[in-house]
Amino acid sequence: MQIKTGKCQEAYETFKRCQSIYPGYDNAENKKSLSLSRECSKEIKSANSSITKKNYKEAISTLEKLLATAKNSITLRLSLARVLFETKKWEKLSDECVTILKLQPDNLEALYMRGYALLENGDIDAANAHFKKVLFFWLPVDL
C-alpha cells in the first residue's frame, strides 16, 4: 500500500522492520516487495536530483514512470505538476492538476497551477473560477 501511494522509503523501512520482528516474513513475496520499495525509493531520489539540476525532461520521465505504479500519490503528482509548470507545458499541467483535484478536491496548489495553466491557454473564465477557490479559502468566513 505504501508503494502505491509513493511512500517508498517508508515501505522499505516497514519491510525491513517486519523481517527482523516476525519469523517467516522473509518469504519470496515479501522479498519482492522489499526490492520494489528499494527501487522506488531510488527513483524518487533520482527524480528529486534531476529537478535540483533543472534536468526537467529526465525528471518528468522518472516521475511518470513512478506514477505508473503509484497512481494515487499526491506528493509525486504535485512534483510532476511543479516541473510541468516550470517547463510551461500548460496542457499536461492542466490534466495533471485535474487528476490531483479528483484525489484531493481542495488542494490549493493544484487549484492555483490549474488556474494558471488555463489562463495561459486563454480560458480566462475557468482560470478565474480556480483562482477564486484559492482566494476564498484564505478569506475569513464571517465577512
Protein backbone atom coordinates (compact mmCIF):
# COMPACT_ATOMS: atom_id res chain seq x y z
CA MET A 1 0.00 0.00 0.00
CA GLN A 2 2.78 2.45 0.85
CA ILE A 3 4.45 1.86 -2.53
CA LYS A 4 1.18 2.57 -4.38
CA THR A 5 0.94 5.94 -2.66
CA GLY A 6 4.56 6.84 -3.37
CA LYS A 7 5.81 6.27 0.18
CA CYS A 8 8.61 4.01 -0.96
CA GLN A 9 11.15 4.77 1.74
CA GLU A 10 8.52 4.14 4.42
CA ALA A 11 7.59 0.85 2.72
CA TYR A 12 11.22 -0.23 2.65
CA GLU A 13 11.65 0.55 6.35
CA THR A 14 8.41 -1.30 7.21
CA PHE A 15 9.52 -4.41 5.33
CA LYS A 16 12.94 -4.36 6.98
CA ARG A 17 11.38 -3.97 10.43
CA CYS A 18 8.93 -6.84 9.81
CA GLN A 19 11.75 -9.08 8.63
CA SER A 20 13.55 -8.56 11.91
CA ILE A 21 10.46 -8.99 14.12
CA TYR A 22 8.46 -11.80 12.51
CA PRO A 23 9.97 -15.18 11.69
CA GLY A 24 8.86 -16.38 8.28
CA TYR A 25 8.33 -12.84 7.00
CA ASP A 26 11.41 -13.34 4.85
CA ASN A 27 9.46 -15.14 2.08
CA ALA A 28 9.72 -14.64 -1.69
CA GLU A 29 6.70 -12.32 -1.96
CA ASN A 30 7.94 -10.02 0.78
CA LYS A 31 11.47 -10.02 -0.67
CA LYS A 32 9.96 -8.89 -3.98
CA SER A 33 8.06 -6.09 -2.21
CA LEU A 34 11.23 -5.07 -0.39
CA SER A 35 13.10 -4.91 -3.68
CA LEU A 36 10.29 -2.85 -5.28
CA SER A 37 10.25 -0.40 -2.38
CA ARG A 38 14.05 -0.01 -2.56
CA GLU A 39 13.92 0.61 -6.32
CA CYS A 40 11.03 3.06 -5.95
CA SER A 41 12.93 4.98 -3.27
CA LYS A 42 15.97 5.24 -5.56
CA GLU A 43 13.78 6.51 -8.41
CA ILE A 44 12.28 9.22 -6.19
CA LYS A 45 15.78 10.35 -5.18
CA SER A 46 16.75 10.36 -8.87
CA ALA A 47 13.72 12.50 -9.78
CA ASN A 48 14.49 14.95 -6.98
CA SER A 49 18.10 15.14 -8.11
CA SER A 50 17.01 15.82 -11.70
CA ILE A 51 14.72 18.60 -10.50
CA THR A 52 17.51 20.16 -8.45
CA LYS A 53 19.80 20.06 -11.51
CA LYS A 54 16.95 21.50 -13.64
CA ASN A 55 17.08 18.41 -15.84
CA TYR A 56 13.33 18.59 -16.27
CA LYS A 57 12.99 16.16 -19.17
CA GLU A 58 14.59 13.40 -17.08
CA ALA A 59 12.54 14.40 -14.02
CA ILE A 60 9.28 14.18 -15.99
CA SER A 61 10.23 10.78 -17.36
CA THR A 62 11.15 9.42 -13.92
CA LEU A 63 8.04 10.82 -12.24
CA GLU A 64 5.76 9.44 -14.95
CA LYS A 65 7.40 6.03 -14.53
CA LEU A 66 6.84 6.17 -10.77
CA LEU A 67 3.23 7.25 -11.22
CA ALA A 68 2.55 4.16 -13.33
CA THR A 69 2.81 2.26 -10.04
CA ALA A 70 1.89 4.94 -7.51
CA LYS A 71 -1.16 6.38 -9.29
CA ASN A 72 -2.65 7.93 -6.15
CA SER A 73 0.47 9.62 -4.83
CA ILE A 74 -0.40 13.29 -4.33
CA THR A 75 3.25 14.02 -3.50
CA LEU A 76 4.56 12.57 -6.77
CA ARG A 77 1.76 14.14 -8.79
CA LEU A 78 2.46 17.57 -7.29
CA SER A 79 6.17 17.14 -8.05
CA LEU A 80 5.30 16.36 -11.66
CA ALA A 81 2.90 19.32 -11.80
CA ARG A 82 5.60 21.67 -10.49
CA VAL A 83 8.00 20.51 -13.20
CA LEU A 84 5.30 20.90 -15.87
CA PHE A 85 4.64 24.40 -14.53
CA GLU A 86 8.36 25.22 -14.66
CA THR A 87 8.60 23.94 -18.25
CA LYS A 88 5.38 25.70 -19.32
CA LYS A 89 3.68 22.52 -20.50
CA TRP A 90 0.24 24.02 -19.88
CA GLU A 91 -1.97 21.27 -21.33
CA LYS A 92 -0.18 18.48 -19.48
CA LEU A 93 -0.13 20.61 -16.33
CA SER A 94 -3.87 21.20 -16.54
CA ASP A 95 -4.52 17.46 -16.98
CA GLU A 96 -2.22 16.55 -14.07
CA CYS A 97 -3.95 19.07 -11.82
CA VAL A 98 -7.35 17.60 -12.75
CA THR A 99 -6.06 14.21 -11.60
CA ILE A 100 -4.78 15.71 -8.33
CA LEU A 101 -8.07 17.52 -7.75
CA LYS A 102 -10.03 14.29 -8.26
CA LEU A 103 -7.94 12.74 -5.49
CA GLN A 104 -7.90 15.85 -3.29
CA PRO A 105 -10.52 18.45 -4.35
CA ASP A 106 -9.27 21.21 -2.03
CA ASN A 107 -5.60 21.03 -2.97
CA LEU A 108 -4.76 24.73 -3.21
CA GLU A 109 -1.51 24.24 -5.09
CA ALA A 110 -3.24 22.17 -7.79
CA LEU A 111 -6.10 24.69 -7.99
CA TYR A 112 -3.63 27.55 -8.43
CA MET A 113 -1.47 25.75 -11.01
CA ARG A 114 -4.52 24.62 -13.00
CA GLY A 115 -5.85 28.17 -12.93
CA TYR A 116 -2.53 29.45 -14.22
CA ALA A 117 -2.42 26.78 -16.96
CA LEU A 118 -5.98 27.66 -18.01
CA LEU A 119 -5.05 31.34 -18.09
CA GLU A 120 -2.01 30.59 -20.27
CA ASN A 121 -4.28 28.63 -22.62
CA GLY A 122 -6.68 31.59 -22.86
CA ASP A 123 -9.56 30.20 -20.78
CA ILE A 124 -9.90 33.26 -18.57
CA ASP A 125 -13.29 32.38 -17.05
CA ALA A 126 -12.23 28.89 -15.93
CA ALA A 127 -8.92 30.28 -14.65
CA ASN A 128 -10.79 32.93 -12.69
CA ALA A 129 -13.00 30.26 -11.08
CA HIS A 130 -9.91 28.35 -9.92
CA PHE A 131 -8.24 31.48 -8.55
CA LYS A 132 -11.44 32.40 -6.68
CA LYS A 133 -11.46 28.99 -4.98
CA VAL A 134 -7.88 29.58 -3.82
CA LEU A 135 -8.67 33.12 -2.67
CA PHE A 136 -11.88 32.18 -0.82
CA PHE A 137 -10.03 29.51 1.09
CA TRP A 138 -7.97 32.25 2.77
CA LEU A 139 -10.80 34.71 3.42
CA PRO A 140 -12.46 34.73 6.84
CA VAL A 141 -15.86 33.01 6.89
CA ASP A 142 -17.75 35.81 8.67
CA LEU A 143 -17.38 38.70 6.21
